Amino acid sequence: MKNLLKLQSEYNKNGSYIQLCLPIETETFIPVNNSVRLLDQVLEELDYSCLYRCYSSSGRKSAISPKSLFKIIVYAYSQGIYSSRKIEEACHINLAFRYLLHGEKVPDHNTISRFRRDRLSSCAEELLSQFILLLYEHQELSFKNVFIDGTKIEANANKYTFVWKKATEKFEARLQVKARALLNRIAPKEHGNRITIEDMQTTLELLNKQMQEKGVVCVYGKGKRKTQEQRDKEELENCLKRQSKYQQYHQLFGNRNSFSKTDPDATFMHMKDDHMRNSQLKPAYNVQLAVESEYIVGVNISQERSDQRTLIPFLNQLEKNYLRRYSNCVCDAGYESEENYHYLKIKNVQPYIKPSNYEYSKTRKFQRDMEFRLSMEYLAEQDAYRCKNQRLLTYRYTRTRKHASGYESRSKVYICEDCSNCPYLGTCYKGKYAKQIQVSEQFDQYRKQSLENITSEEGIRLRVNRSIQAEGAFGILKWDFRFQRFLTRGKKNVKTECILLALGFNVNKLHHRIQKNRLGQSLFPIEQKEAS
């Protein structure tokens, strides 16, 4: 048998050629109902002036237009391709990517990475807003019901790169004691409550001047004996270096208690995938999604570990992007707080927030544990409560709590006149002194209104749809798209990644709704058994 195989780097030199057939347009090979055609048409309607402003007007023209590059990346994210090298490879061999290129040169992975990091990060949110407004013009959205949910996604940070605020404060306090003693030994004088970097630098300059006047020469190596001045200088330089490091750490902490050295914007959080069940902390971001009619209408990246303090900034961002305000806000129990309720009332938005004790309140344990609290009778004239043993809990004072955002919540404290010799002592109250309760009238009123909303027929329907649409969106992104860890670093770049995911998700959702003849459907119908 004649062997014509040649093992070399270029495989077209083996003597086998393929006859070029007409037509050679890639469009003829793409099915007419393929999602890439829809993506090309929809993204063509956007205004890319914000993207072109990121480029310099002088210099050579880009080998590939920013619009085509944007389409390629969005389509890649819609197909679960995130690596810049994988996107470059797909542009070489995938007909759908060739179709989006329209004959332009295939970009290399560096071009794709720089575009995503340097160009797209400043205008991605505006392009997403244009896409959502385009859906609104086609009556796919109404800006009536917004479903909000959050999840934690691991950051692209190295293992064991954590920096803790408490540990930093402890080591810095030790350094302050050491530096104060050192400065007093070198140049005794009065210092403030805190030794600053300027104090250390001034003392170091003074020490260098003294060493120069005395003719002290620094020696290094084995068998060399250092003078006391040299030892003081090296120790002071070390203190100065550490104090500068701690000062930089405090700037990075902000309102957080931790950060990662390789991605300073990432915060260490508890993750859901805790397979070892040891509450391991990982560097992550709290990703918030706003969903309406199955489309992701907003993305927010937060460094908060809980969802409570993410709601107000997120709703403000949505209102700024679309110049519209949603009528109903549907969230889970993690968003419940008096501050959030108060904000929604001011903005005239109906809250559909499940109370944090909603599921617990339906159990027997709740009825047993809250037996004595629920049996108390409020006496409005005396502003007091009468307990099960007919004893009074009178009003004593109002406790004010100031939140990190500046919002102040007030609760009234009621204390029992005497709990001694009470037959319920030990079950009603297990402390040493008299029983006391705290009542936040404002919060109780807000919670009651929200409870009425979610238990109504409309509220049940919205609550079920929140589980389907908001939680379903995260399910698709994390398990169907296989996106469980960020590729980029920094809060700004991470948000760009999430927006690209949202655009790819929305194009796929629009394609699916068109093919299934479900355009215009904003809510899923629910069966009676689901409502119960």
Protein backbone atom coordinates (compact mmCIF):
# COMPACT_ATOMS: atom_id res chain seq x y z
CA MET A 1 0.00 0.00 0.00
CA LYS A 2 1.31 3.40 -0.97
CA ASN A 3 1.71 5.67 2.06
CA LEU A 4 1.24 9.36 1.16
CA LEU A 5 0.80 10.57 4.74
CA LYS A 6 3.21 13.34 5.74
CA LEU A 7 3.40 14.25 9.42
CA GLN A 8 4.00 18.00 9.34
CA SER A 9 2.50 21.12 10.87
CA GLU A 10 0.51 22.20 7.77
CA TYR A 11 -2.02 19.51 6.92
CA ASN A 12 -2.90 20.86 3.47
CA LYS A 13 0.38 19.59 1.99
CA ASN A 14 -0.60 15.93 2.00
CA GLY A 15 -1.80 16.15 -1.57
CA SER A 16 -5.54 16.09 -0.79
CA TYR A 17 -7.59 19.05 -1.96
CA ILE A 18 -11.27 19.82 -1.69
CA GLN A 19 -13.15 21.20 -4.65
CA LEU A 20 -14.58 24.66 -3.88
CA CYS A 21 -18.34 24.54 -4.33
CA LEU A 22 -20.73 27.42 -4.95
CA PRO A 23 -22.35 29.17 -3.21
CA ILE A 24 -19.63 30.01 -0.71
CA GLU A 25 -21.74 32.36 1.47
CA THR A 26 -21.91 31.09 5.06
CA GLU A 27 -25.45 32.44 5.32
CA THR A 28 -26.76 29.60 3.17
CA PHE A 29 -25.59 27.04 5.74
CA ILE A 30 -27.30 28.74 8.73
CA PRO A 31 -30.90 27.56 9.31
CA VAL A 32 -33.46 30.33 8.93
CA ASN A 33 -34.73 29.80 12.49
CA ASN A 34 -31.30 29.74 14.16
CA SER A 35 -30.76 32.06 17.14
CA VAL A 36 -27.63 33.60 15.60
CA ARG A 37 -29.77 35.29 12.94
CA LEU A 38 -32.00 36.77 15.64
CA LEU A 39 -28.99 37.95 17.64
CA ASP A 40 -27.51 39.65 14.57
CA GLN A 41 -30.77 41.46 13.82
CA VAL A 42 -31.54 42.51 17.40
CA LEU A 43 -28.05 43.77 18.24
CA GLU A 44 -27.96 45.65 14.94
CA GLU A 45 -30.76 47.88 16.30
CA LEU A 46 -28.65 49.18 19.20
CA ASP A 47 -26.86 52.53 19.23
CA TYR A 48 -23.12 51.88 19.56
CA SER A 49 -21.98 55.49 19.89
CA CYS A 50 -21.08 54.84 23.55
CA LEU A 51 -18.85 51.97 22.43
CA TYR A 52 -17.13 53.93 19.65
CA ARG A 53 -16.37 56.74 22.12
CA CYS A 54 -14.08 54.29 23.92
CA TYR A 55 -11.77 54.33 20.88
CA SER A 56 -9.38 57.09 19.88
CA SER A 57 -10.35 59.11 16.81
CA SER A 58 -6.71 59.18 15.69
CA GLY A 59 -4.54 56.21 14.81
CA ARG A 60 -5.15 53.24 12.57
CA LYS A 61 -8.53 51.64 12.06
CA SER A 62 -9.36 48.45 13.96
CA ALA A 63 -9.03 45.22 11.99
CA ILE A 64 -12.51 44.23 13.16
CA SER A 65 -15.33 46.64 13.93
CA PRO A 66 -16.33 47.00 17.61
CA LYS A 67 -19.93 46.18 16.70
CA SER A 68 -18.96 42.81 15.17
CA LEU A 69 -16.69 42.06 18.11
CA PHE A 70 -19.53 42.79 20.53
CA LYS A 71 -21.88 40.49 18.62
CA ILE A 72 -19.32 37.69 18.66
CA ILE A 73 -18.76 37.92 22.41
CA VAL A 74 -22.49 38.07 23.22
CA TYR A 75 -23.15 35.03 21.02
CA ALA A 76 -20.24 33.20 22.65
CA TYR A 77 -21.70 33.84 26.10
CA SER A 78 -25.11 32.67 24.89
CA GLN A 79 -23.48 29.36 23.91
CA GLY A 80 -21.53 28.93 27.15
CA ILE A 81 -18.14 29.96 25.69
CA TYR A 82 -16.29 32.43 27.94
CA SER A 83 -12.55 31.99 27.39
CA SER A 84 -11.02 34.44 24.90
CA ARG A 85 -8.98 31.60 23.38
CA LYS A 86 -12.09 29.44 22.98
CA ILE A 87 -13.91 32.36 21.34
CA GLU A 88 -11.00 32.82 18.90
CA GLU A 89 -11.06 29.10 18.10
CA ALA A 90 -14.83 29.22 17.51
CA CYS A 91 -14.38 32.14 15.10
CA HIS A 92 -12.07 29.95 13.00
CA ILE A 93 -14.20 26.79 12.80
CA ASN A 94 -17.79 27.70 13.74
CA LEU A 95 -20.13 28.79 10.93
CA ALA A 96 -22.32 30.84 13.26
CA PHE A 97 -19.34 32.97 14.33
CA ARG A 98 -18.27 33.30 10.68
CA TYR A 99 -21.77 34.50 9.91
CA LEU A 100 -21.46 37.27 12.52
CA LEU A 101 -18.03 38.31 11.22
CA HIS A 102 -19.47 39.15 7.77
CA GLY A 103 -16.11 38.53 6.11
CA GLU A 104 -14.04 40.49 8.64
CA LYS A 105 -10.73 39.24 10.01
CA VAL A 106 -10.88 36.73 12.86
CA PRO A 107 -9.82 38.50 16.10
CA ASP A 108 -7.14 36.91 18.24
CA HIS A 109 -7.63 36.17 21.93
CA ASN A 110 -5.69 39.27 23.04
CA THR A 111 -8.01 41.52 21.03
CA ILE A 112 -11.06 39.84 22.56
CA SER A 113 -9.66 40.08 26.08
CA ARG A 114 -8.66 43.74 25.77
CA PHE A 115 -12.01 44.63 24.23
CA ARG A 116 -13.91 42.96 27.07
CA ARG A 117 -11.70 44.49 29.76
CA ASP A 118 -10.86 47.98 28.49
CA ARG A 119 -13.62 48.97 26.05
CA LEU A 120 -16.79 47.12 26.99
CA SER A 121 -16.62 47.68 30.74
CA SER A 122 -17.57 51.36 30.43
CA CYS A 123 -20.61 50.91 28.17
CA ALA A 124 -21.95 47.36 28.72
CA GLU A 125 -24.71 48.51 31.08
CA GLU A 126 -25.94 51.12 28.60
CA LEU A 127 -26.10 48.51 25.82
CA LEU A 128 -28.10 46.19 28.08
CA SER A 129 -30.50 49.05 28.85
CA GLN A 130 -30.98 49.68 25.12
CA PHE A 131 -31.72 46.00 24.59
CA ILE A 132 -34.35 46.02 27.37
CA LEU A 133 -35.99 49.19 26.02
CA LEU A 134 -36.11 47.52 22.60
CA LEU A 135 -38.04 44.63 24.17
CA TYR A 136 -40.32 47.18 25.84
CA GLU A 137 -41.09 48.76 22.45
CA HIS A 138 -42.11 45.32 21.18
CA GLN A 139 -44.42 44.89 24.22
CA GLU A 140 -42.34 42.12 25.74
CA LEU A 141 -41.96 44.13 28.96
CA SER A 142 -44.28 46.43 30.89
CA PHE A 143 -42.10 47.61 33.83
CA LYS A 144 -44.78 46.46 36.25
CA ASN A 145 -43.47 43.46 38.20
CA VAL A 146 -39.78 43.02 39.00
CA PHE A 147 -38.48 39.79 40.53
CA ILE A 148 -35.19 40.15 42.40
CA ASP A 149 -32.88 37.43 43.63
CA GLY A 150 -29.20 37.05 44.44
CA THR A 151 -26.51 34.41 44.56
CA LYS A 152 -22.81 34.23 45.36
CA ILE A 153 -20.38 33.38 42.56
CA GLU A 154 -16.74 32.60 43.25
CA ALA A 155 -14.18 35.21 42.26
CA ASN A 156 -11.09 34.58 40.16
CA ALA A 157 -8.77 34.78 43.16
CA ASN A 158 -6.05 32.48 44.44
CA LYS A 159 -6.55 30.24 47.45
CA TYR A 160 -5.45 31.39 50.91
CA THR A 161 -5.01 35.02 49.85
CA PHE A 162 -7.37 36.34 52.51
CA VAL A 163 -6.73 39.46 54.59
CA TRP A 164 -8.90 39.90 57.68
CA LYS A 165 -9.76 43.27 59.19
CA LYS A 166 -9.61 42.12 62.82
CA ALA A 167 -6.23 40.47 62.30
CA THR A 168 -4.92 43.61 60.61
CA GLU A 169 -6.11 45.79 63.50
CA LYS A 170 -4.49 43.43 66.03
CA PHE A 171 -1.11 43.39 64.26
CA GLU A 172 -1.24 47.14 63.70
CA ALA A 173 -1.85 47.75 67.42
CA ARG A 174 1.24 45.69 68.25
CA LEU A 175 3.22 47.61 65.64
CA GLN A 176 2.15 50.93 67.17
CA VAL A 177 3.50 49.90 70.58
CA LYS A 178 6.76 48.77 69.03
CA ALA A 179 7.12 51.89 66.87
CA ARG A 180 6.39 54.24 69.79
CA ALA A 181 9.11 52.65 71.92
CA LEU A 182 11.55 52.78 68.99
CA LEU A 183 10.87 56.46 68.22
CA ASN A 184 11.20 57.43 71.88
CA ARG A 185 14.58 55.70 72.00
CA ILE A 186 15.89 57.36 68.83
CA ALA A 187 14.48 60.88 69.36
CA PRO A 188 12.48 61.31 72.59
CA LYS A 189 9.55 63.68 72.14
CA GLU A 190 5.79 63.80 72.53
CA HIS A 191 3.79 61.93 69.91
CA GLY A 192 0.05 61.86 69.38
CA ASN A 193 -2.30 59.01 70.10
CA ARG A 194 -1.12 57.33 66.91
CA ILE A 195 2.29 56.99 65.31
CA THR A 196 1.83 58.04 61.69
CA ILE A 197 3.89 57.28 58.60
CA GLU A 198 5.07 60.89 58.61
CA ASP A 199 6.41 60.49 62.16
CA MET A 200 8.38 57.42 61.10
CA GLN A 201 9.74 59.12 57.98
CA THR A 202 10.82 62.21 59.95
CA THR A 203 12.57 60.08 62.57
CA LEU A 204 14.25 57.98 59.86
CA GLU A 205 15.62 61.11 58.18
CA LEU A 206 16.91 62.31 61.55
CA LEU A 207 18.56 58.94 62.22
CA ASN A 208 20.24 58.93 58.79
CA LYS A 209 21.59 62.41 59.47
CA GLN A 210 22.97 61.33 62.87
CA MET A 211 24.62 58.27 61.32
CA GLN A 212 26.21 60.43 58.63
CA GLU A 213 27.57 62.87 61.22
CA LYS A 214 29.00 60.03 63.31
CA GLY A 215 30.40 58.31 60.24
CA VAL A 216 28.52 55.08 60.91
CA VAL A 217 28.87 52.62 58.02
CA CYS A 218 26.23 49.92 57.54
CA VAL A 219 27.70 46.42 57.39
CA TYR A 220 26.10 43.18 56.19
CA GLY A 221 27.03 39.53 56.04
CA LYS A 222 28.47 36.88 58.31
CA GLY A 223 30.97 37.93 60.93
CA LYS A 224 29.99 41.60 60.76
CA ARG A 225 28.78 43.34 63.91
CA LYS A 226 26.05 45.92 63.38
CA THR A 227 25.98 49.12 65.36
CA GLN A 228 22.94 50.08 67.43
CA GLU A 229 22.18 52.88 64.97
CA GLN A 230 22.08 50.43 62.05
CA ARG A 231 19.80 48.09 64.00
CA ASP A 232 17.46 50.96 64.84
CA LYS A 233 17.44 52.05 61.22
CA GLU A 234 16.57 48.58 59.91
CA GLU A 235 13.87 48.14 62.55
CA LEU A 236 12.38 51.55 61.76
CA GLU A 237 12.39 50.83 58.02
CA ASN A 238 10.56 47.57 58.72
CA CYS A 239 7.97 49.40 60.86
CA LEU A 240 7.50 51.99 58.13
CA LYS A 241 6.99 49.28 55.51
CA ARG A 242 4.44 47.43 57.66
CA GLN A 243 2.54 50.59 58.58
CA SER A 244 2.27 51.54 54.89
CA LYS A 245 0.94 48.05 54.16
CA TYR A 246 -1.67 48.26 56.92
CA GLN A 247 -2.76 51.70 55.74
CA GLN A 248 -3.28 50.32 52.24
CA TYR A 249 -5.26 47.40 53.68
CA HIS A 250 -7.63 49.77 55.51
CA GLN A 251 -8.30 51.63 52.26
CA LEU A 252 -9.15 48.33 50.55
CA PHE A 253 -11.39 47.12 53.39
CA GLY A 254 -13.87 50.00 53.20
CA ASN A 255 -16.99 48.69 54.96
CA ARG A 256 -15.88 45.06 54.60
CA ASN A 257 -14.16 42.70 57.01
CA SER A 258 -12.02 40.89 54.43
CA PHE A 259 -10.59 40.96 50.91
CA SER A 260 -8.38 38.85 48.68
CA LYS A 261 -4.84 39.88 47.79
CA THR A 262 -5.18 38.74 44.17
CA ASP A 263 -8.63 40.33 43.70
CA PRO A 264 -9.02 43.12 46.28
CA ASP A 265 -12.65 43.75 45.26
CA ALA A 266 -13.67 40.21 46.23
CA THR A 267 -14.99 39.51 49.74
CA PHE A 268 -14.80 36.20 51.58
CA MET A 269 -18.28 34.71 51.88
CA HIS A 270 -20.05 31.48 52.75
CA MET A 271 -20.91 29.57 49.58
CA LYS A 272 -23.77 27.16 48.95
CA ASP A 273 -21.50 24.42 47.62
CA ASP A 274 -20.02 23.61 51.02
CA HIS A 275 -19.35 19.92 50.40
CA MET A 276 -17.16 19.45 53.48
CA ARG A 277 -19.76 21.20 55.68
CA ASN A 278 -17.07 23.16 57.46
CA SER A 279 -18.42 26.63 56.56
CA GLN A 280 -15.40 27.34 54.40
CA LEU A 281 -15.12 30.93 53.19
CA LYS A 282 -14.25 31.69 49.58
CA PRO A 283 -13.58 34.97 47.75
CA ALA A 284 -16.79 35.78 45.92
CA TYR A 285 -19.21 38.45 44.70
CA ASN A 286 -22.89 38.79 45.55
CA VAL A 287 -24.61 38.85 42.14
CA GLN A 288 -28.08 40.43 42.05
CA LEU A 289 -30.46 39.92 39.12
CA ALA A 290 -33.71 41.72 38.31
CA VAL A 291 -36.04 39.70 36.08
CA GLU A 292 -39.27 40.62 34.33
CA SER A 293 -41.18 38.47 31.84
CA GLU A 294 -38.31 35.94 32.02
CA TYR A 295 -35.78 38.56 30.79
CA ILE A 296 -32.89 39.81 32.90
CA VAL A 297 -33.49 43.57 33.04
CA GLY A 298 -30.76 44.49 35.51
CA VAL A 299 -27.49 43.26 37.00
CA ASN A 300 -25.80 44.47 40.16
CA ILE A 301 -22.55 43.30 41.75
CA SER A 302 -22.33 43.76 45.50
CA GLN A 303 -19.64 43.13 48.09
CA GLU A 304 -22.28 42.67 50.80
CA ARG A 305 -22.56 39.16 52.20
CA SER A 306 -26.32 39.44 52.80
CA ASP A 307 -29.04 40.64 50.44
CA GLN A 308 -30.66 43.19 52.78
CA ARG A 309 -28.45 46.14 51.90
CA THR A 310 -28.38 45.41 48.16
CA LEU A 311 -32.05 46.14 47.37
CA ILE A 312 -32.11 49.95 47.58
CA PRO A 313 -28.97 50.56 45.44
CA PHE A 314 -30.24 48.03 42.89
CA LEU A 315 -33.68 49.66 42.55
CA ASN A 316 -32.05 53.10 42.27
CA GLN A 317 -29.85 51.75 39.49
CA LEU A 318 -32.85 50.34 37.59
CA GLU A 319 -34.73 53.63 37.89
CA LYS A 320 -31.69 55.54 36.63
CA ASN A 321 -31.18 53.22 33.65
CA TYR A 322 -34.78 53.15 32.41
CA LEU A 323 -36.24 56.38 33.85
CA ARG A 324 -39.15 54.25 35.04
CA ARG A 325 -40.24 52.80 38.35
CA TYR A 326 -41.68 49.34 38.85
CA SER A 327 -45.11 49.05 40.48
CA ASN A 328 -44.45 45.80 42.36
CA CYS A 329 -41.20 44.53 43.89
CA VAL A 330 -41.14 40.78 44.56
CA CYS A 331 -38.30 39.42 46.74
CA ASP A 332 -37.61 36.56 49.10
CA ALA A 333 -37.18 36.73 52.88
CA GLY A 334 -33.51 37.71 52.64
CA TYR A 335 -34.45 41.25 51.61
CA GLU A 336 -36.81 42.00 54.50
CA SER A 337 -35.85 44.99 56.64
CA GLU A 338 -37.58 48.10 57.93
CA GLU A 339 -35.31 50.29 55.81
CA ASN A 340 -36.27 48.45 52.60
CA TYR A 341 -39.97 48.62 53.48
CA HIS A 342 -39.63 52.35 54.17
CA TYR A 343 -37.86 52.95 50.85
CA LEU A 344 -40.56 51.10 48.88
CA LYS A 345 -43.28 53.11 50.62
CA ILE A 346 -41.58 56.42 49.74
CA LYS A 347 -41.20 55.31 46.11
CA ASN A 348 -44.85 54.16 46.02
CA VAL A 349 -43.85 50.58 45.18
CA GLN A 350 -45.93 47.69 46.48
CA PRO A 351 -43.78 45.29 48.55
CA TYR A 352 -44.18 41.57 47.94
CA ILE A 353 -41.46 40.48 50.37
CA LYS A 354 -41.88 37.24 52.25
CA PRO A 355 -41.41 37.82 56.02
CA SER A 356 -38.32 36.12 57.38
CA ASN A 357 -40.46 34.10 59.82
CA TYR A 358 -43.16 33.19 57.28
CA GLU A 359 -42.32 29.49 56.94
CA TYR A 360 -41.48 29.17 60.63
CA SER A 361 -44.81 30.77 61.63
CA LYS A 362 -46.72 27.88 60.02
CA THR A 363 -45.08 25.25 62.26
CA ARG A 364 -46.19 23.91 65.62
CA LYS A 365 -42.87 24.89 67.14
CA PHE A 366 -43.61 28.55 66.42
CA GLN A 367 -46.98 28.31 68.16
CA ARG A 368 -45.31 26.66 71.15
CA ASP A 369 -42.37 29.06 71.37
CA MET A 370 -44.50 32.16 70.81
CA GLU A 371 -47.36 31.04 73.06
CA PHE A 372 -46.70 33.65 75.75
CA ARG A 373 -45.85 36.46 73.30
CA LEU A 374 -48.99 35.90 71.21
CA SER A 375 -51.21 35.67 74.30
CA MET A 376 -50.22 39.14 75.49
CA GLU A 377 -52.97 41.75 75.39
CA TYR A 378 -52.06 45.32 74.46
CA LEU A 379 -53.61 48.05 76.62
CA ALA A 380 -53.62 51.18 74.49
CA GLU A 381 -54.64 53.58 77.28
CA GLN A 382 -51.76 52.51 79.52
CA ASP A 383 -49.36 51.72 76.65
CA ALA A 384 -48.62 48.37 78.26
CA TYR A 385 -48.99 44.64 77.67
CA ARG A 386 -50.75 42.17 79.97
CA CYS A 387 -49.14 38.74 80.04
CA LYS A 388 -50.76 35.33 80.49
CA ASN A 389 -50.35 35.62 84.28
CA GLN A 390 -52.17 38.99 84.28
CA ARG A 391 -49.01 40.96 85.02
CA LEU A 392 -48.17 44.21 83.24
CA LEU A 393 -45.23 44.92 80.98
CA THR A 394 -45.02 48.71 81.01
CA TYR A 395 -43.27 50.98 78.53
CA ARG A 396 -39.83 52.08 79.77
CA TYR A 397 -37.90 53.68 76.90
CA THR A 398 -37.40 53.79 73.13
CA ARG A 399 -34.31 52.18 71.65
CA THR A 400 -32.88 53.78 68.50
CA ARG A 401 -30.67 51.81 66.16
CA LYS A 402 -28.70 53.57 63.44
CA HIS A 403 -27.90 51.42 60.41
CA ALA A 404 -24.76 51.63 58.28
CA SER A 405 -26.71 53.50 55.60
CA GLY A 406 -27.78 56.18 58.10
CA TYR A 407 -31.37 54.97 58.49
CA GLU A 408 -32.66 54.98 62.08
CA SER A 409 -35.15 52.39 63.35
CA ARG A 410 -36.94 52.76 66.67
CA SER A 411 -38.35 50.08 68.93
CA LYS A 412 -40.23 50.48 72.22
CA VAL A 413 -39.01 48.46 75.20
CA TYR A 414 -41.56 47.04 77.65
CA ILE A 415 -40.42 45.48 80.96
CA CYS A 416 -42.50 43.40 83.35
CA GLU A 417 -43.09 44.88 86.79
CA ASP A 418 -42.27 41.61 88.57
CA CYS A 419 -41.66 38.06 87.34
CA SER A 420 -40.98 36.48 90.74
CA ASN A 421 -43.12 33.52 91.80
CA CYS A 422 -44.67 33.31 88.33
CA PRO A 423 -45.86 29.78 87.44
CA TYR A 424 -44.62 30.27 83.86
CA LEU A 425 -41.11 31.31 84.90
CA GLY A 426 -38.65 29.13 83.02
CA THR A 427 -40.88 28.66 79.99
CA CYS A 428 -41.98 32.24 79.35
CA TYR A 429 -38.73 33.82 80.54
CA LYS A 430 -35.46 32.12 81.46
CA GLY A 431 -33.39 35.11 82.54
CA LYS A 432 -32.43 36.37 85.98
CA TYR A 433 -34.43 39.59 85.93
CA ALA A 434 -37.83 40.68 84.65
CA LYS A 435 -39.05 39.79 81.17
CA GLN A 436 -38.79 42.49 78.52
CA ILE A 437 -39.99 42.71 74.94
CA GLN A 438 -39.12 45.07 72.09
CA VAL A 439 -41.85 46.25 69.75
CA SER A 440 -41.12 48.09 66.49
CA GLU A 441 -44.52 49.45 65.52
CA GLN A 442 -43.31 50.75 62.16
CA PHE A 443 -41.71 47.45 61.17
CA ASP A 444 -44.73 45.42 62.35
CA GLN A 445 -47.00 47.60 60.24
CA TYR A 446 -44.82 47.19 57.15
CA ARG A 447 -44.56 43.42 57.68
CA LYS A 448 -48.33 43.10 58.09
CA GLN A 449 -48.91 44.93 54.80
CA SER A 450 -46.37 42.77 52.96
CA LEU A 451 -47.88 39.60 54.44
CA GLU A 452 -51.32 40.63 53.18
CA ASN A 453 -49.81 41.26 49.75
CA ILE A 454 -48.07 37.89 49.38
CA THR A 455 -51.04 35.89 50.68
CA SER A 456 -53.49 37.51 48.26
CA GLU A 457 -54.35 35.79 44.98
CA GLU A 458 -52.14 38.18 43.02
CA GLY A 459 -49.36 37.85 45.60
CA ILE A 460 -49.35 34.06 45.38
CA ARG A 461 -49.10 34.29 41.61
CA LEU A 462 -46.21 36.75 41.80
CA ARG A 463 -44.45 34.68 44.45
CA VAL A 464 -44.63 31.53 42.35
CA ASN A 465 -43.38 33.42 39.30
CA ARG A 466 -40.45 34.81 41.28
CA SER A 467 -39.36 31.24 42.01
CA ILE A 468 -39.75 30.31 38.34
CA GLN A 469 -38.25 33.39 36.72
CA ALA A 470 -35.63 34.83 39.10
CA GLU A 471 -34.36 31.59 40.62
CA GLY A 472 -34.76 29.89 37.24
CA ALA A 473 -32.49 32.48 35.63
CA PHE A 474 -29.72 31.65 38.10
CA GLY A 475 -30.31 27.94 37.54
CA ILE A 476 -29.81 28.35 33.79
CA LEU A 477 -26.71 30.54 34.16
CA LYS A 478 -25.00 28.32 36.73
CA TRP A 479 -25.94 24.86 35.46
CA ASP A 480 -26.96 25.11 31.79
CA PHE A 481 -24.41 27.80 30.92
CA ARG A 482 -21.93 26.22 33.40
CA PHE A 483 -20.92 29.64 34.70
CA GLN A 484 -19.84 29.09 38.31
CA ARG A 485 -16.64 31.15 38.55
CA PHE A 486 -15.62 34.50 37.13
CA LEU A 487 -12.81 34.71 34.60
CA THR A 488 -11.87 38.35 35.23
CA ARG A 489 -10.83 40.28 38.32
CA GLY A 490 -12.15 43.52 39.72
CA LYS A 491 -15.73 44.58 40.40
CA LYS A 492 -16.03 46.51 37.13
CA ASN A 493 -14.86 43.61 34.96
CA VAL A 494 -17.00 41.14 36.88
CA LYS A 495 -20.07 43.26 36.20
CA THR A 496 -19.20 43.32 32.49
CA GLU A 497 -19.11 39.51 32.50
CA CYS A 498 -22.53 39.35 34.16
CA ILE A 499 -24.02 41.81 31.66
CA LEU A 500 -22.69 39.73 28.76
CA LEU A 501 -24.28 36.69 30.38
CA ALA A 502 -27.56 38.59 30.72
CA LEU A 503 -27.49 39.64 27.05
CA GLY A 504 -26.80 36.09 25.90
CA PHE A 505 -29.52 34.78 28.22
CA ASN A 506 -32.03 37.35 26.92
CA VAL A 507 -31.34 36.56 23.26
CA ASN A 508 -31.84 32.85 23.93
CA LYS A 509 -35.03 33.59 25.86
CA LEU A 510 -36.41 35.79 23.07
CA HIS A 511 -35.58 33.10 20.51
CA HIS A 512 -37.32 30.45 22.61
CA ARG A 513 -40.45 32.58 23.13
CA ILE A 514 -40.69 33.31 19.39
CA GLN A 515 -40.34 29.65 18.44
CA LYS A 516 -42.84 28.55 21.11
CA ASN A 517 -45.31 31.34 20.24
CA ARG A 518 -45.15 32.79 23.76
CA LEU A 519 -44.48 36.44 22.96
CA GLY A 520 -46.17 38.89 25.30
CA GLN A 521 -46.58 36.42 28.18
CA SER A 522 -45.27 38.08 31.35
CA LEU A 523 -46.41 35.60 34.02
CA PHE A 524 -46.82 31.86 34.16
CA PRO A 525 -50.31 30.66 35.11
CA ILE A 526 -50.45 28.67 38.34
CA GLU A 527 -52.62 25.77 39.32
CA GLN A 528 -54.81 25.80 42.40
CA LYS A 529 -52.61 23.29 44.25
CA GLU A 530 -49.61 25.59 43.77
CA ALA A 531 -51.55 28.50 45.22
CA SER A 532 -52.33 26.56 48.36
